[in-house]
Amino acid sequence: MARTFLRHIRVASVPELKTRILKGIDEMNATPVVSRWKKFDLKVA
C-alpha cells in the first residue's frame, strides 16, 4: 500500500496526506479483485 499511495506524492500537511491515503483506499475498494484459491497438494511427508 505504501508504494502505491506514497510514491511521488507531495503534500503540504498531515491532514492532506491522510485525505490522499483514504481516497486511494476508496478507489481500490471501488473495484475489488476476487481471489480464486485452488486446492493443491505439496506432497510433503
N, C-alpha and C. Protein backbone atom coordinates (compact mmCIF):
# COMPACT_ATOMS: atom_id res chain seq x y z
N MET A 1 0.82 -1.18 0.00
CA MET A 1 0.00 0.00 0.00
C MET A 1 0.87 1.25 0.00
N ALA A 2 1.95 1.22 0.73
CA ALA A 2 2.80 2.40 0.81
C ALA A 2 3.37 2.77 -0.55
N ARG A 3 3.75 1.79 -1.33
CA ARG A 3 4.32 2.08 -2.64
C ARG A 3 3.31 2.72 -3.58
N THR A 4 2.07 2.26 -3.54
CA THR A 4 1.08 2.78 -4.48
C THR A 4 0.58 4.16 -4.07
N PHE A 5 0.44 4.41 -2.79
CA PHE A 5 -0.11 5.69 -2.34
C PHE A 5 0.95 6.77 -2.16
N LEU A 6 2.11 6.39 -1.72
CA LEU A 6 3.08 7.39 -1.32
C LEU A 6 4.16 7.67 -2.36
N ARG A 7 4.21 6.92 -3.43
CA ARG A 7 5.21 7.15 -4.45
C ARG A 7 4.92 8.46 -5.19
N HIS A 8 5.90 9.32 -5.25
CA HIS A 8 5.83 10.60 -5.96
C HIS A 8 4.73 11.51 -5.41
N ILE A 9 4.41 11.38 -4.15
CA ILE A 9 3.35 12.20 -3.58
C ILE A 9 3.96 13.44 -2.93
N ARG A 10 3.31 14.56 -3.11
CA ARG A 10 3.75 15.82 -2.49
C ARG A 10 2.54 16.38 -1.76
N VAL A 11 2.66 16.51 -0.45
CA VAL A 11 1.57 17.07 0.35
C VAL A 11 2.13 18.17 1.24
N ALA A 12 1.26 19.07 1.62
CA ALA A 12 1.67 20.21 2.44
C ALA A 12 1.45 19.97 3.93
N SER A 13 0.58 19.00 4.27
CA SER A 13 0.27 18.79 5.68
C SER A 13 -0.13 17.34 5.93
N VAL A 14 -0.16 16.97 7.20
CA VAL A 14 -0.57 15.62 7.59
C VAL A 14 -2.04 15.37 7.26
N PRO A 15 -2.95 16.32 7.50
CA PRO A 15 -4.35 16.07 7.10
C PRO A 15 -4.51 15.83 5.60
N GLU A 16 -3.74 16.54 4.79
CA GLU A 16 -3.81 16.31 3.35
C GLU A 16 -3.30 14.92 2.99
N LEU A 17 -2.25 14.46 3.67
CA LEU A 17 -1.73 13.11 3.46
C LEU A 17 -2.78 12.07 3.82
N LYS A 18 -3.44 12.28 4.96
CA LYS A 18 -4.50 11.35 5.39
C LYS A 18 -5.63 11.30 4.36
N THR A 19 -6.02 12.47 3.85
CA THR A 19 -7.07 12.54 2.85
C THR A 19 -6.69 11.78 1.58
N ARG A 20 -5.45 11.95 1.13
CA ARG A 20 -4.99 11.28 -0.09
C ARG A 20 -4.95 9.77 0.10
N ILE A 21 -4.50 9.32 1.28
CA ILE A 21 -4.45 7.87 1.54
C ILE A 21 -5.85 7.28 1.58
N LEU A 22 -6.78 7.94 2.26
CA LEU A 22 -8.15 7.44 2.33
C LEU A 22 -8.81 7.44 0.95
N LYS A 23 -8.50 8.42 0.12
CA LYS A 23 -9.03 8.46 -1.24
C LYS A 23 -8.50 7.27 -2.05
N GLY A 24 -7.22 6.95 -1.87
CA GLY A 24 -6.65 5.80 -2.56
C GLY A 24 -7.28 4.49 -2.12
N ILE A 25 -7.56 4.37 -0.84
CA ILE A 25 -8.23 3.16 -0.33
C ILE A 25 -9.63 3.05 -0.92
N ASP A 26 -10.34 4.16 -0.98
CA ASP A 26 -11.68 4.15 -1.57
C ASP A 26 -11.64 3.74 -3.04
N GLU A 27 -10.63 4.21 -3.77
CA GLU A 27 -10.51 3.85 -5.18
C GLU A 27 -10.22 2.36 -5.33
N MET A 28 -9.39 1.81 -4.45
CA MET A 28 -9.10 0.38 -4.51
C MET A 28 -10.33 -0.45 -4.17
N ASN A 29 -11.12 0.00 -3.22
CA ASN A 29 -12.32 -0.73 -2.81
C ASN A 29 -13.43 -0.62 -3.85
N ALA A 30 -13.38 0.37 -4.72
CA ALA A 30 -14.41 0.54 -5.74
C ALA A 30 -14.38 -0.60 -6.75
N THR A 31 -13.20 -1.15 -7.02
CA THR A 31 -13.06 -2.27 -7.96
C THR A 31 -12.28 -3.39 -7.29
N PRO A 32 -12.94 -4.17 -6.42
CA PRO A 32 -12.23 -5.23 -5.71
C PRO A 32 -11.81 -6.36 -6.65
N VAL A 33 -10.74 -7.02 -6.27
CA VAL A 33 -10.24 -8.17 -7.02
C VAL A 33 -10.65 -9.43 -6.27
N VAL A 34 -11.33 -10.32 -6.95
CA VAL A 34 -11.78 -11.57 -6.34
C VAL A 34 -10.66 -12.60 -6.47
N SER A 35 -10.24 -13.16 -5.35
CA SER A 35 -9.20 -14.18 -5.36
C SER A 35 -9.84 -15.55 -5.48
N ARG A 36 -9.37 -16.33 -6.40
CA ARG A 36 -9.84 -17.70 -6.57
C ARG A 36 -8.74 -18.64 -6.13
N TRP A 37 -8.95 -19.29 -5.01
CA TRP A 37 -7.96 -20.21 -4.47
C TRP A 37 -8.17 -21.59 -5.06
N LYS A 38 -7.08 -22.22 -5.42
CA LYS A 38 -7.13 -23.57 -5.93
C LYS A 38 -6.53 -24.52 -4.92
N LYS A 39 -7.15 -25.66 -4.79
CA LYS A 39 -6.66 -26.67 -3.87
C LYS A 39 -5.46 -27.36 -4.52
N PHE A 40 -4.37 -27.46 -3.77
CA PHE A 40 -3.21 -28.13 -4.29
C PHE A 40 -2.53 -28.90 -3.17
N ASP A 41 -1.76 -29.88 -3.53
CA ASP A 41 -1.07 -30.73 -2.58
C ASP A 41 0.43 -30.62 -2.82
N LEU A 42 1.17 -30.27 -1.77
CA LEU A 42 2.62 -30.15 -1.90
C LEU A 42 3.32 -31.51 -1.79
N LYS A 43 2.59 -32.52 -1.36
CA LYS A 43 3.11 -33.88 -1.18
C LYS A 43 4.37 -33.89 -0.32
N VAL A 44 4.29 -33.17 0.77
CA VAL A 44 5.38 -33.15 1.75
C VAL A 44 5.00 -34.09 2.87
N ALA A 45 5.86 -35.07 3.11
CA ALA A 45 5.54 -36.05 4.15
C ALA A 45 6.44 -35.92 5.33
